[in-house]
Amino acid sequence: MRLDTLQPAEGSRRKHVRVGRGIGSGLGKTCGRGVKGAGARKSAHKRPGFEGGQMPMKIRLPKFGFWSKKATLTSEVTLNDLNRVEGDVIDREALIKARLITQKIQFVKVVLSPVPNFTKKITLKGVGCTRGAKAAIEAAGGTVEVADYINEAAQRLAASAKRSAAKQKSREDKLAAEGIKKPAKKTAEQKAAKKAASK
């Protein structure tokens, strides 16, 4: 290979198209923009996905699912991975030190391994835990302290259920006391007055 033989790869550099150079080029006069309309103007800026007034694809397609903001801050750790953690007390800091989770992870849950092989006596502190993993930890002589954010979530759920029940009971009591009330029928004079006011 010599320096005077070097050249760009085929297709990497396309020739610049010069428009408005006569009808013989095929791109003269309107320069491929068509006749009049927004697309023929100098600054025809359209938002991404605009289809000229037609129902755009993003609205035609059905919507499903959602993006959880908490998913990027949540991680799972298997029960067998806890064997690699040094110390008897396992919390978020201990999991970070053992490189089982990263610094950005705020919520951790310990799940049961497909083939449980955990015999270490530990104290799980400030970390979520499934029922199977909790039973395996307690069977090995360890203890599980429920995380604060789990208790707070349970309290919020209970308070919401209590408020909903109170509202429902209030509606039922009001209905039992007053019964179903139908709106009173308008008299002929009221109908005539309303008709006259509308004219």
N, C-alpha and C. Protein backbone atom coordinates (compact mmCIF):
# COMPACT_ATOMS: atom_id res chain seq x y z
N MET A 1 0.85 -1.20 0.00
CA MET A 1 0.00 0.00 0.00
C MET A 1 0.88 1.24 0.00
N ARG A 2 0.47 2.25 -0.83
CA ARG A 2 1.21 3.51 -0.89
C ARG A 2 0.27 4.66 -0.53
N LEU A 3 0.85 5.76 -0.08
CA LEU A 3 0.04 6.90 0.32
C LEU A 3 -0.74 7.49 -0.84
N ASP A 4 -0.19 7.42 -2.05
CA ASP A 4 -0.88 8.02 -3.19
C ASP A 4 -2.01 7.14 -3.71
N THR A 5 -2.18 5.96 -3.10
CA THR A 5 -3.28 5.08 -3.53
C THR A 5 -4.43 5.08 -2.52
N LEU A 6 -4.26 5.78 -1.40
CA LEU A 6 -5.31 5.81 -0.38
C LEU A 6 -6.51 6.60 -0.89
N GLN A 7 -7.70 6.09 -0.63
CA GLN A 7 -8.92 6.79 -1.00
C GLN A 7 -10.05 6.34 -0.07
N PRO A 8 -11.09 7.17 0.06
CA PRO A 8 -12.20 6.80 0.98
C PRO A 8 -12.90 5.53 0.53
N ALA A 9 -13.55 4.86 1.46
CA ALA A 9 -14.30 3.66 1.13
C ALA A 9 -15.45 4.00 0.19
N GLU A 10 -15.83 3.07 -0.63
CA GLU A 10 -16.86 3.29 -1.62
C GLU A 10 -18.20 3.55 -0.93
N GLY A 11 -18.83 4.66 -1.28
CA GLY A 11 -20.12 5.01 -0.70
C GLY A 11 -20.04 5.88 0.55
N SER A 12 -18.83 6.10 1.10
CA SER A 12 -18.71 6.89 2.32
C SER A 12 -18.79 8.38 2.04
N ARG A 13 -18.47 8.79 0.83
CA ARG A 13 -18.53 10.21 0.45
C ARG A 13 -19.43 10.37 -0.78
N ARG A 14 -20.61 10.87 -0.56
CA ARG A 14 -21.54 11.05 -1.66
C ARG A 14 -21.36 12.43 -2.29
N LYS A 15 -21.57 12.52 -3.58
CA LYS A 15 -21.40 13.77 -4.30
C LYS A 15 -22.53 14.72 -3.94
N HIS A 16 -22.18 15.99 -3.70
CA HIS A 16 -23.17 16.99 -3.33
C HIS A 16 -24.11 17.26 -4.50
N VAL A 17 -25.42 17.24 -4.25
CA VAL A 17 -26.41 17.49 -5.29
C VAL A 17 -26.65 18.99 -5.40
N ARG A 18 -26.45 19.55 -6.59
CA ARG A 18 -26.69 20.96 -6.83
C ARG A 18 -28.08 21.11 -7.43
N VAL A 19 -28.94 21.80 -6.74
CA VAL A 19 -30.33 21.98 -7.20
C VAL A 19 -30.49 23.37 -7.79
N GLY A 20 -31.57 23.55 -8.55
CA GLY A 20 -31.85 24.86 -9.14
C GLY A 20 -30.92 25.22 -10.26
N ARG A 21 -30.47 24.22 -11.04
CA ARG A 21 -29.54 24.48 -12.14
C ARG A 21 -30.15 24.09 -13.49
N GLY A 22 -31.45 24.36 -13.67
CA GLY A 22 -32.09 24.08 -14.95
C GLY A 22 -32.89 22.80 -14.94
N ILE A 23 -33.87 22.76 -15.87
CA ILE A 23 -34.80 21.62 -15.89
C ILE A 23 -34.12 20.35 -16.36
N GLY A 24 -33.00 20.46 -17.04
CA GLY A 24 -32.33 19.27 -17.55
C GLY A 24 -31.78 18.39 -16.43
N SER A 25 -31.50 18.96 -15.27
CA SER A 25 -30.96 18.17 -14.16
C SER A 25 -32.04 17.39 -13.44
N GLY A 26 -33.30 17.77 -13.64
CA GLY A 26 -34.38 17.12 -12.91
C GLY A 26 -34.66 17.76 -11.57
N LEU A 27 -33.79 18.67 -11.16
CA LEU A 27 -33.97 19.35 -9.87
C LEU A 27 -33.86 20.87 -10.08
N GLY A 28 -34.46 21.35 -11.16
CA GLY A 28 -34.48 22.77 -11.42
C GLY A 28 -35.78 23.40 -10.93
N LYS A 29 -35.90 24.69 -11.06
CA LYS A 29 -37.08 25.46 -10.68
C LYS A 29 -37.46 25.24 -9.23
N THR A 30 -38.32 24.26 -8.91
CA THR A 30 -38.76 24.06 -7.52
C THR A 30 -37.78 23.23 -6.71
N CYS A 31 -36.72 22.73 -7.29
CA CYS A 31 -35.63 22.04 -6.57
C CYS A 31 -36.09 20.81 -5.82
N GLY A 32 -37.11 20.14 -6.34
CA GLY A 32 -37.57 18.92 -5.68
C GLY A 32 -38.47 19.15 -4.50
N ARG A 33 -38.88 20.40 -4.25
CA ARG A 33 -39.73 20.71 -3.09
C ARG A 33 -41.22 20.69 -3.43
N GLY A 34 -41.58 20.52 -4.69
CA GLY A 34 -42.99 20.57 -5.06
C GLY A 34 -43.45 22.00 -5.26
N VAL A 35 -44.77 22.17 -5.41
CA VAL A 35 -45.35 23.49 -5.70
C VAL A 35 -46.08 24.01 -4.47
N LYS A 36 -45.67 25.15 -3.97
CA LYS A 36 -46.29 25.86 -2.84
C LYS A 36 -46.42 24.96 -1.60
N GLY A 37 -47.04 25.47 -0.59
CA GLY A 37 -47.21 24.71 0.65
C GLY A 37 -46.04 24.93 1.59
N ALA A 38 -46.19 24.41 2.83
CA ALA A 38 -45.18 24.63 3.87
C ALA A 38 -43.83 24.03 3.48
N GLY A 39 -43.85 22.88 2.79
CA GLY A 39 -42.60 22.22 2.45
C GLY A 39 -41.79 22.95 1.40
N ALA A 40 -42.43 23.87 0.67
CA ALA A 40 -41.72 24.59 -0.38
C ALA A 40 -41.07 25.87 0.14
N ARG A 41 -41.35 26.23 1.39
CA ARG A 41 -40.84 27.49 1.93
C ARG A 41 -39.42 27.33 2.46
N LYS A 42 -38.85 28.48 2.82
CA LYS A 42 -37.46 28.49 3.25
C LYS A 42 -37.28 27.76 4.59
N SER A 43 -38.20 28.02 5.54
CA SER A 43 -38.07 27.46 6.90
C SER A 43 -39.25 26.54 7.18
N ALA A 44 -39.29 25.42 6.52
CA ALA A 44 -40.40 24.47 6.70
C ALA A 44 -40.07 23.51 7.82
N HIS A 45 -40.12 24.01 9.05
CA HIS A 45 -39.78 23.18 10.20
C HIS A 45 -41.03 22.43 10.67
N LYS A 46 -40.96 21.13 10.73
CA LYS A 46 -42.07 20.32 11.24
C LYS A 46 -41.56 19.50 12.40
N ARG A 47 -42.43 19.29 13.37
CA ARG A 47 -42.02 18.52 14.55
C ARG A 47 -41.76 17.06 14.16
N PRO A 48 -40.94 16.35 14.90
CA PRO A 48 -40.69 14.93 14.59
C PRO A 48 -41.97 14.11 14.66
N GLY A 49 -42.22 13.31 13.65
CA GLY A 49 -43.42 12.47 13.61
C GLY A 49 -44.60 13.12 12.93
N PHE A 50 -44.47 14.39 12.48
CA PHE A 50 -45.59 15.06 11.81
C PHE A 50 -45.82 14.44 10.44
N GLU A 51 -47.07 14.11 10.11
CA GLU A 51 -47.40 13.43 8.87
C GLU A 51 -48.38 14.25 8.03
N GLY A 52 -48.21 15.57 8.06
CA GLY A 52 -49.03 16.42 7.21
C GLY A 52 -50.48 16.50 7.61
N GLY A 53 -50.79 16.34 8.88
CA GLY A 53 -52.18 16.38 9.33
C GLY A 53 -52.80 15.02 9.49
N GLN A 54 -52.22 14.00 8.85
CA GLN A 54 -52.70 12.64 9.03
C GLN A 54 -52.42 12.18 10.46
N MET A 55 -53.26 11.29 10.96
CA MET A 55 -53.07 10.77 12.31
C MET A 55 -51.69 10.13 12.41
N PRO A 56 -50.78 10.65 13.25
CA PRO A 56 -49.41 10.15 13.26
C PRO A 56 -49.30 8.74 13.83
N MET A 57 -48.20 8.10 13.51
CA MET A 57 -47.99 6.71 13.91
C MET A 57 -48.01 6.55 15.42
N LYS A 58 -47.45 7.53 16.15
CA LYS A 58 -47.36 7.40 17.61
C LYS A 58 -48.74 7.42 18.27
N ILE A 59 -49.76 7.94 17.57
CA ILE A 59 -51.12 7.94 18.11
C ILE A 59 -51.91 6.76 17.58
N ARG A 60 -51.60 6.33 16.34
CA ARG A 60 -52.32 5.18 15.77
C ARG A 60 -52.01 3.88 16.49
N LEU A 61 -50.77 3.74 16.96
CA LEU A 61 -50.38 2.48 17.61
C LEU A 61 -50.96 2.41 19.02
N PRO A 62 -51.34 1.23 19.49
CA PRO A 62 -51.87 1.10 20.86
C PRO A 62 -50.78 1.30 21.90
N LYS A 63 -51.18 1.78 23.04
CA LYS A 63 -50.24 2.04 24.14
C LYS A 63 -50.33 0.89 25.15
N PHE A 64 -49.20 0.52 25.71
CA PHE A 64 -49.20 -0.52 26.73
C PHE A 64 -47.99 -0.34 27.63
N GLY A 65 -48.11 -0.79 28.84
CA GLY A 65 -46.99 -0.75 29.79
C GLY A 65 -46.64 0.65 30.23
N PHE A 66 -45.56 0.77 30.99
CA PHE A 66 -45.09 2.05 31.47
C PHE A 66 -43.61 1.92 31.82
N TRP A 67 -42.93 3.06 32.00
CA TRP A 67 -41.54 3.09 32.41
C TRP A 67 -41.49 3.45 33.89
N SER A 68 -40.94 2.57 34.69
CA SER A 68 -40.86 2.81 36.13
C SER A 68 -39.62 3.65 36.44
N LYS A 69 -39.80 4.78 37.11
CA LYS A 69 -38.68 5.61 37.50
C LYS A 69 -37.85 4.93 38.60
N LYS A 70 -38.49 4.04 39.34
CA LYS A 70 -37.82 3.37 40.44
C LYS A 70 -36.99 2.17 39.97
N ALA A 71 -37.24 1.71 38.73
CA ALA A 71 -36.56 0.50 38.25
C ALA A 71 -35.05 0.68 38.15
N THR A 72 -34.60 1.89 37.80
CA THR A 72 -33.16 2.12 37.67
C THR A 72 -32.46 2.19 39.02
N LEU A 73 -33.23 2.35 40.10
CA LEU A 73 -32.66 2.47 41.44
C LEU A 73 -32.87 1.19 42.25
N THR A 74 -33.43 0.15 41.63
CA THR A 74 -33.78 -1.08 42.34
C THR A 74 -32.97 -2.24 41.77
N SER A 75 -32.57 -3.16 42.65
CA SER A 75 -31.81 -4.33 42.22
C SER A 75 -32.17 -5.52 43.10
N GLU A 76 -31.89 -6.71 42.58
CA GLU A 76 -32.12 -7.96 43.32
C GLU A 76 -30.80 -8.67 43.55
N VAL A 77 -30.71 -9.31 44.71
CA VAL A 77 -29.52 -10.08 45.07
C VAL A 77 -29.99 -11.47 45.47
N THR A 78 -29.38 -12.50 44.92
CA THR A 78 -29.79 -13.86 45.27
C THR A 78 -29.23 -14.24 46.64
N LEU A 79 -29.87 -15.21 47.25
CA LEU A 79 -29.49 -15.62 48.60
C LEU A 79 -28.09 -16.21 48.64
N ASN A 80 -27.72 -16.98 47.62
CA ASN A 80 -26.38 -17.59 47.60
C ASN A 80 -25.28 -16.54 47.49
N ASP A 81 -25.58 -15.37 46.90
CA ASP A 81 -24.58 -14.31 46.78
C ASP A 81 -24.19 -13.74 48.13
N LEU A 82 -25.05 -13.90 49.13
CA LEU A 82 -24.75 -13.36 50.45
C LEU A 82 -23.60 -14.10 51.11
N ASN A 83 -23.24 -15.29 50.60
CA ASN A 83 -22.09 -16.01 51.15
C ASN A 83 -20.79 -15.26 50.90
N ARG A 84 -20.77 -14.39 49.89
CA ARG A 84 -19.56 -13.64 49.55
C ARG A 84 -19.40 -12.38 50.39
N VAL A 85 -20.42 -12.02 51.15
CA VAL A 85 -20.36 -10.80 51.95
C VAL A 85 -19.67 -11.08 53.28
N GLU A 86 -18.70 -10.24 53.62
CA GLU A 86 -17.99 -10.41 54.89
C GLU A 86 -18.79 -9.77 56.03
N GLY A 87 -18.74 -10.40 57.20
CA GLY A 87 -19.44 -9.87 58.36
C GLY A 87 -20.77 -10.55 58.57
N ASP A 88 -21.30 -10.37 59.80
CA ASP A 88 -22.58 -10.98 60.15
C ASP A 88 -23.77 -10.08 59.85
N VAL A 89 -23.54 -8.77 59.81
CA VAL A 89 -24.62 -7.81 59.53
C VAL A 89 -24.52 -7.41 58.06
N ILE A 90 -25.60 -7.67 57.33
CA ILE A 90 -25.63 -7.35 55.90
C ILE A 90 -26.64 -6.24 55.65
N ASP A 91 -26.15 -5.11 55.18
CA ASP A 91 -27.01 -3.99 54.79
C ASP A 91 -26.58 -3.48 53.41
N ARG A 92 -27.09 -2.34 53.02
CA ARG A 92 -26.78 -1.82 51.69
C ARG A 92 -25.29 -1.52 51.53
N GLU A 93 -24.68 -0.97 52.56
CA GLU A 93 -23.24 -0.64 52.48
C GLU A 93 -22.40 -1.90 52.33
N ALA A 94 -22.79 -2.98 53.03
CA ALA A 94 -22.04 -4.23 52.92
C ALA A 94 -22.18 -4.83 51.52
N LEU A 95 -23.35 -4.69 50.92
CA LEU A 95 -23.54 -5.21 49.56
C LEU A 95 -22.74 -4.41 48.54
N ILE A 96 -22.62 -3.10 48.76
CA ILE A 96 -21.80 -2.27 47.87
C ILE A 96 -20.33 -2.65 48.01
N LYS A 97 -19.90 -2.88 49.23
CA LYS A 97 -18.50 -3.25 49.48
C LYS A 97 -18.17 -4.59 48.83
N ALA A 98 -19.15 -5.50 48.82
CA ALA A 98 -18.95 -6.81 48.20
C ALA A 98 -19.16 -6.79 46.69
N ARG A 99 -19.46 -5.60 46.14
CA ARG A 99 -19.67 -5.39 44.71
C ARG A 99 -20.85 -6.19 44.15
N LEU A 100 -21.85 -6.37 44.98
CA LEU A 100 -23.08 -7.02 44.52
C LEU A 100 -24.05 -6.00 43.94
N ILE A 101 -23.95 -4.74 44.37
CA ILE A 101 -24.76 -3.65 43.82
C ILE A 101 -23.85 -2.44 43.63
N THR A 102 -24.34 -1.45 42.88
CA THR A 102 -23.58 -0.22 42.66
C THR A 102 -24.05 0.87 43.60
N GLN A 103 -23.35 1.99 43.56
CA GLN A 103 -23.66 3.10 44.47
C GLN A 103 -25.04 3.70 44.20
N LYS A 104 -25.47 3.70 42.94
CA LYS A 104 -26.74 4.36 42.61
C LYS A 104 -27.97 3.56 43.06
N ILE A 105 -27.80 2.29 43.39
CA ILE A 105 -28.93 1.46 43.81
C ILE A 105 -29.39 1.89 45.20
N GLN A 106 -30.68 2.23 45.32
CA GLN A 106 -31.23 2.67 46.59
C GLN A 106 -32.09 1.60 47.26
N PHE A 107 -32.71 0.74 46.46
CA PHE A 107 -33.62 -0.27 46.99
C PHE A 107 -33.13 -1.66 46.56
N VAL A 108 -32.96 -2.56 47.54
CA VAL A 108 -32.42 -3.90 47.28
C VAL A 108 -33.38 -4.92 47.84
N LYS A 109 -33.53 -6.04 47.12
CA LYS A 109 -34.36 -7.14 47.61
C LYS A 109 -33.57 -8.44 47.47
N VAL A 110 -33.56 -9.22 48.52
CA VAL A 110 -32.90 -10.52 48.51
C VAL A 110 -33.93 -11.57 48.09
N VAL A 111 -33.61 -12.34 47.05
CA VAL A 111 -34.53 -13.35 46.53
C VAL A 111 -33.92 -14.73 46.73
N LEU A 112 -34.77 -15.72 46.76
CA LEU A 112 -34.32 -17.10 46.97
C LEU A 112 -33.64 -17.63 45.71
N SER A 113 -32.51 -18.31 45.88
CA SER A 113 -31.78 -18.87 44.75
C SER A 113 -32.50 -20.11 44.23
N PRO A 114 -32.34 -20.44 42.94
CA PRO A 114 -32.96 -21.66 42.40
C PRO A 114 -32.53 -22.92 43.16
N VAL A 115 -31.22 -22.96 43.53
CA VAL A 115 -30.71 -24.08 44.35
C VAL A 115 -30.10 -23.47 45.61
N PRO A 116 -30.89 -23.31 46.67
CA PRO A 116 -30.38 -22.64 47.88
C PRO A 116 -29.20 -23.39 48.48
N ASN A 117 -28.13 -22.64 48.72
CA ASN A 117 -26.94 -23.21 49.35
C ASN A 117 -26.40 -22.19 50.36
N PHE A 118 -27.27 -21.83 51.29
CA PHE A 118 -26.95 -20.76 52.24
C PHE A 118 -27.04 -21.32 53.65
N THR A 119 -25.94 -21.29 54.36
CA THR A 119 -25.90 -21.80 55.75
C THR A 119 -25.28 -20.80 56.70
N LYS A 120 -25.11 -19.57 56.26
CA LYS A 120 -24.44 -18.55 57.06
C LYS A 120 -25.44 -17.87 58.00
N LYS A 121 -25.05 -17.64 59.24
CA LYS A 121 -25.90 -16.96 60.21
C LYS A 121 -25.66 -15.46 60.09
N ILE A 122 -26.67 -14.75 59.63
CA ILE A 122 -26.51 -13.31 59.38
C ILE A 122 -27.69 -12.54 59.96
N THR A 123 -27.54 -11.22 59.96
CA THR A 123 -28.62 -10.30 60.31
C THR A 123 -28.84 -9.39 59.10
N LEU A 124 -29.96 -9.56 58.43
CA LEU A 124 -30.29 -8.74 57.25
C LEU A 124 -30.96 -7.46 57.73
N LYS A 125 -30.37 -6.33 57.39
CA LYS A 125 -30.80 -5.06 57.96
C LYS A 125 -31.02 -4.03 56.85
N GLY A 126 -32.21 -3.40 56.85
CA GLY A 126 -32.49 -2.32 55.91
C GLY A 126 -32.58 -2.74 54.47
N VAL A 127 -32.87 -4.02 54.21
CA VAL A 127 -32.92 -4.54 52.84
C VAL A 127 -34.20 -5.35 52.70
N GLY A 128 -34.85 -5.27 51.54
CA GLY A 128 -36.05 -6.05 51.30
C GLY A 128 -35.73 -7.53 51.18
N CYS A 129 -36.75 -8.35 51.37
CA CYS A 129 -36.52 -9.79 51.38
C CYS A 129 -37.82 -10.51 51.02
N THR A 130 -37.74 -11.54 50.18
CA THR A 130 -38.92 -12.33 49.85
C THR A 130 -39.20 -13.33 50.97
N ARG A 131 -40.39 -13.94 50.91
CA ARG A 131 -40.78 -14.88 51.96
C ARG A 131 -39.86 -16.10 51.99
N GLY A 132 -39.53 -16.63 50.79
CA GLY A 132 -38.66 -17.80 50.73
C GLY A 132 -37.27 -17.52 51.25
N ALA A 133 -36.72 -16.33 50.89
CA ALA A 133 -35.39 -15.98 51.37
C ALA A 133 -35.40 -15.75 52.88
N LYS A 134 -36.46 -15.14 53.39
CA LYS A 134 -36.57 -14.91 54.83
C LYS A 134 -36.63 -16.23 55.60
N ALA A 135 -37.40 -17.18 55.07
CA ALA A 135 -37.49 -18.49 55.73
C ALA A 135 -36.13 -19.19 55.72
N ALA A 136 -35.38 -19.09 54.62
CA ALA A 136 -34.07 -19.73 54.54
C ALA A 136 -33.07 -19.08 55.50
N ILE A 137 -33.12 -17.76 55.64
CA ILE A 137 -32.21 -17.06 56.56
C ILE A 137 -32.52 -17.43 58.01
N GLU A 138 -33.81 -17.46 58.34
CA GLU A 138 -34.20 -17.81 59.71
C GLU A 138 -33.92 -19.28 60.00
N ALA A 139 -34.00 -20.16 58.99
CA ALA A 139 -33.69 -21.57 59.19
C ALA A 139 -32.22 -21.77 59.49
N ALA A 140 -31.37 -20.86 58.97
CA ALA A 140 -29.94 -20.95 59.23
C ALA A 140 -29.55 -20.27 60.54
N GLY A 141 -30.54 -19.76 61.29
CA GLY A 141 -30.27 -19.12 62.58
C GLY A 141 -30.13 -17.62 62.52
N GLY A 142 -30.38 -17.01 61.34
CA GLY A 142 -30.25 -15.57 61.19
C GLY A 142 -31.56 -14.85 61.48
N THR A 143 -31.51 -13.52 61.38
CA THR A 143 -32.69 -12.68 61.61
C THR A 143 -32.82 -11.68 60.46
N VAL A 144 -34.05 -11.24 60.26
CA VAL A 144 -34.35 -10.27 59.20
C VAL A 144 -35.05 -9.08 59.80
N GLU A 145 -34.47 -7.89 59.63
CA GLU A 145 -35.08 -6.65 60.07
C GLU A 145 -35.67 -5.95 58.85
N VAL A 146 -36.97 -5.70 58.92
CA VAL A 146 -37.66 -5.12 57.76
C VAL A 146 -37.15 -3.70 57.51
N ALA A 147 -36.94 -3.38 56.24
CA ALA A 147 -36.43 -2.05 55.88
C ALA A 147 -37.46 -0.98 56.20
N ASP A 148 -36.98 0.24 56.49
CA ASP A 148 -37.87 1.35 56.85
C ASP A 148 -38.79 1.72 55.70
N TYR A 149 -38.26 1.71 54.46
CA TYR A 149 -39.10 2.13 53.34
C TYR A 149 -40.24 1.15 53.08
N ILE A 150 -40.04 -0.13 53.46
CA ILE A 150 -41.11 -1.12 53.31
C ILE A 150 -42.21 -0.86 54.34
N ASN A 151 -41.81 -0.55 55.59
CA ASN A 151 -42.80 -0.22 56.62
C ASN A 151 -43.58 1.04 56.26
N GLU A 152 -42.88 2.04 55.72
CA GLU A 152 -43.55 3.29 55.33
C GLU A 152 -44.54 3.04 54.20
N ALA A 153 -44.17 2.20 53.24
CA ALA A 153 -45.08 1.89 52.13
C ALA A 153 -46.32 1.15 52.64
N ALA A 154 -46.13 0.22 53.60
CA ALA A 154 -47.26 -0.51 54.17
C ALA A 154 -48.18 0.44 54.93
N GLN A 155 -47.60 1.41 55.66
CA GLN A 155 -48.42 2.38 56.39
C GLN A 155 -49.22 3.26 55.44
N ARG A 156 -48.58 3.69 54.33
CA ARG A 156 -49.31 4.51 53.36
C ARG A 156 -50.46 3.74 52.73
N LEU A 157 -50.22 2.45 52.44
CA LEU A 157 -51.27 1.62 51.85
C LEU A 157 -52.44 1.43 52.82
N ALA A 158 -52.12 1.19 54.09
CA ALA A 158 -53.17 1.02 55.08
C ALA A 158 -53.97 2.31 55.28
N ALA A 159 -53.28 3.46 55.31
CA ALA A 159 -53.97 4.74 55.48
C ALA A 159 -54.88 5.03 54.29
N SER A 160 -54.42 4.69 53.07
CA SER A 160 -55.24 4.91 51.88
C SER A 160 -56.49 4.03 51.91
N ALA A 161 -56.33 2.76 52.32
CA ALA A 161 -57.48 1.86 52.41
C ALA A 161 -58.47 2.34 53.47
N LYS A 162 -57.94 2.89 54.56
CA LYS A 162 -58.81 3.41 55.64
C LYS A 162 -59.61 4.62 55.16
N ARG A 163 -58.96 5.51 54.42
CA ARG A 163 -59.67 6.69 53.90
C ARG A 163 -60.74 6.29 52.90
N SER A 164 -60.43 5.33 52.03
CA SER A 164 -61.41 4.87 51.05
C SER A 164 -62.62 4.23 51.73
N ALA A 165 -62.37 3.43 52.77
CA ALA A 165 -63.47 2.80 53.49
C ALA A 165 -64.34 3.83 54.19
N ALA A 166 -63.71 4.88 54.75
CA ALA A 166 -64.46 5.93 55.43
C ALA A 166 -65.34 6.70 54.45
N LYS A 167 -64.81 6.99 53.25
CA LYS A 167 -65.60 7.70 52.24
C LYS A 167 -66.78 6.85 51.78
N GLN A 168 -66.53 5.56 51.57
CA GLN A 168 -67.60 4.67 51.14
C GLN A 168 -68.70 4.57 52.19
N LYS A 169 -68.31 4.47 53.46
CA LYS A 169 -69.30 4.38 54.55
C LYS A 169 -70.11 5.67 54.65
N SER A 170 -69.43 6.82 54.47
CA SER A 170 -70.13 8.10 54.52
C SER A 170 -71.17 8.20 53.41
N ARG A 171 -70.82 7.74 52.20
CA ARG A 171 -71.78 7.77 51.09
C ARG A 171 -72.96 6.85 51.36
N GLU A 172 -72.68 5.66 51.91
CA GLU A 172 -73.76 4.71 52.19
C GLU A 172 -74.69 5.24 53.28
N ASP A 173 -74.12 5.86 54.33
CA ASP A 173 -74.95 6.42 55.40
C ASP A 173 -75.83 7.56 54.89
N LYS A 174 -75.26 8.41 54.05
CA LYS A 174 -76.03 9.53 53.50
C LYS A 174 -77.16 9.03 52.62
N LEU A 175 -76.89 7.99 51.83
CA LEU A 175 -77.92 7.43 50.97
C LEU A 175 -79.02 6.76 51.78
N ALA A 176 -78.63 6.08 52.89
CA ALA A 176 -79.63 5.43 53.74
C ALA A 176 -80.50 6.45 54.45
N ALA A 177 -79.92 7.60 54.83
CA ALA A 177 -80.68 8.61 55.56
C ALA A 177 -81.58 9.43 54.65
N GLU A 178 -81.10 9.80 53.48
CA GLU A 178 -81.86 10.69 52.61
C GLU A 178 -82.61 9.93 51.52
N GLY A 179 -82.11 8.77 51.13
CA GLY A 179 -82.71 8.04 50.04
C GLY A 179 -82.32 8.65 48.70
N ILE A 180 -82.80 8.04 47.64
CA ILE A 180 -82.51 8.53 46.29
C ILE A 180 -83.46 9.67 45.96
N LYS A 181 -82.92 10.84 45.69
CA LYS A 181 -83.73 12.02 45.39
C LYS A 181 -83.70 12.30 43.89
N LYS A 182 -84.89 12.41 43.32
CA LYS A 182 -84.99 12.78 41.92
C LYS A 182 -85.20 14.29 41.81
N PRO A 183 -84.64 14.91 40.79
CA PRO A 183 -84.83 16.35 40.65
C PRO A 183 -86.30 16.69 40.39
N ALA A 184 -86.76 17.78 41.01
CA ALA A 184 -88.16 18.19 40.88
C ALA A 184 -88.44 18.63 39.44
N LYS A 185 -89.65 18.29 38.96
CA LYS A 185 -90.03 18.67 37.61
C LYS A 185 -90.34 20.16 37.54
N LYS A 186 -89.96 20.78 36.41
CA LYS A 186 -90.21 22.21 36.24
C LYS A 186 -91.67 22.44 35.87
N THR A 187 -92.19 23.53 36.40
CA THR A 187 -93.57 23.90 36.09
C THR A 187 -93.62 24.59 34.72
N ALA A 188 -94.83 24.79 34.24
CA ALA A 188 -95.01 25.44 32.93
C ALA A 188 -94.49 26.87 32.97
N GLU A 189 -94.69 27.57 34.11
CA GLU A 189 -94.20 28.95 34.22
C GLU A 189 -92.67 29.00 34.15
N GLN A 190 -91.99 28.05 34.83
CA GLN A 190 -90.52 28.01 34.81
C GLN A 190 -90.00 27.72 33.40
N LYS A 191 -90.67 26.81 32.69
CA LYS A 191 -90.26 26.50 31.32
C LYS A 191 -90.42 27.71 30.40
N ALA A 192 -91.56 28.43 30.57
CA ALA A 192 -91.79 29.61 29.74
C ALA A 192 -90.80 30.70 30.03
N ALA A 193 -90.46 30.89 31.34
CA ALA A 193 -89.47 31.92 31.71
C ALA A 193 -88.10 31.59 31.14
N LYS A 194 -87.71 30.31 31.16
CA LYS A 194 -86.40 29.90 30.63
C LYS A 194 -86.36 30.11 29.12
N LYS A 195 -87.50 29.80 28.43
CA LYS A 195 -87.56 29.97 26.99
C LYS A 195 -87.46 31.45 26.60
N ALA A 196 -88.10 32.30 27.40
CA ALA A 196 -88.07 33.74 27.12
C ALA A 196 -86.68 34.31 27.37
N ALA A 197 -85.99 33.78 28.38
CA ALA A 197 -84.64 34.29 28.70
C ALA A 197 -83.65 33.90 27.63
N SER A 198 -83.86 32.77 26.98
CA SER A 198 -82.92 32.31 25.97
C SER A 198 -83.05 33.08 24.66
N LYS A 199 -84.18 33.75 24.45
CA LYS A 199 -84.40 34.50 23.21
C LYS A 199 -83.67 35.84 23.26
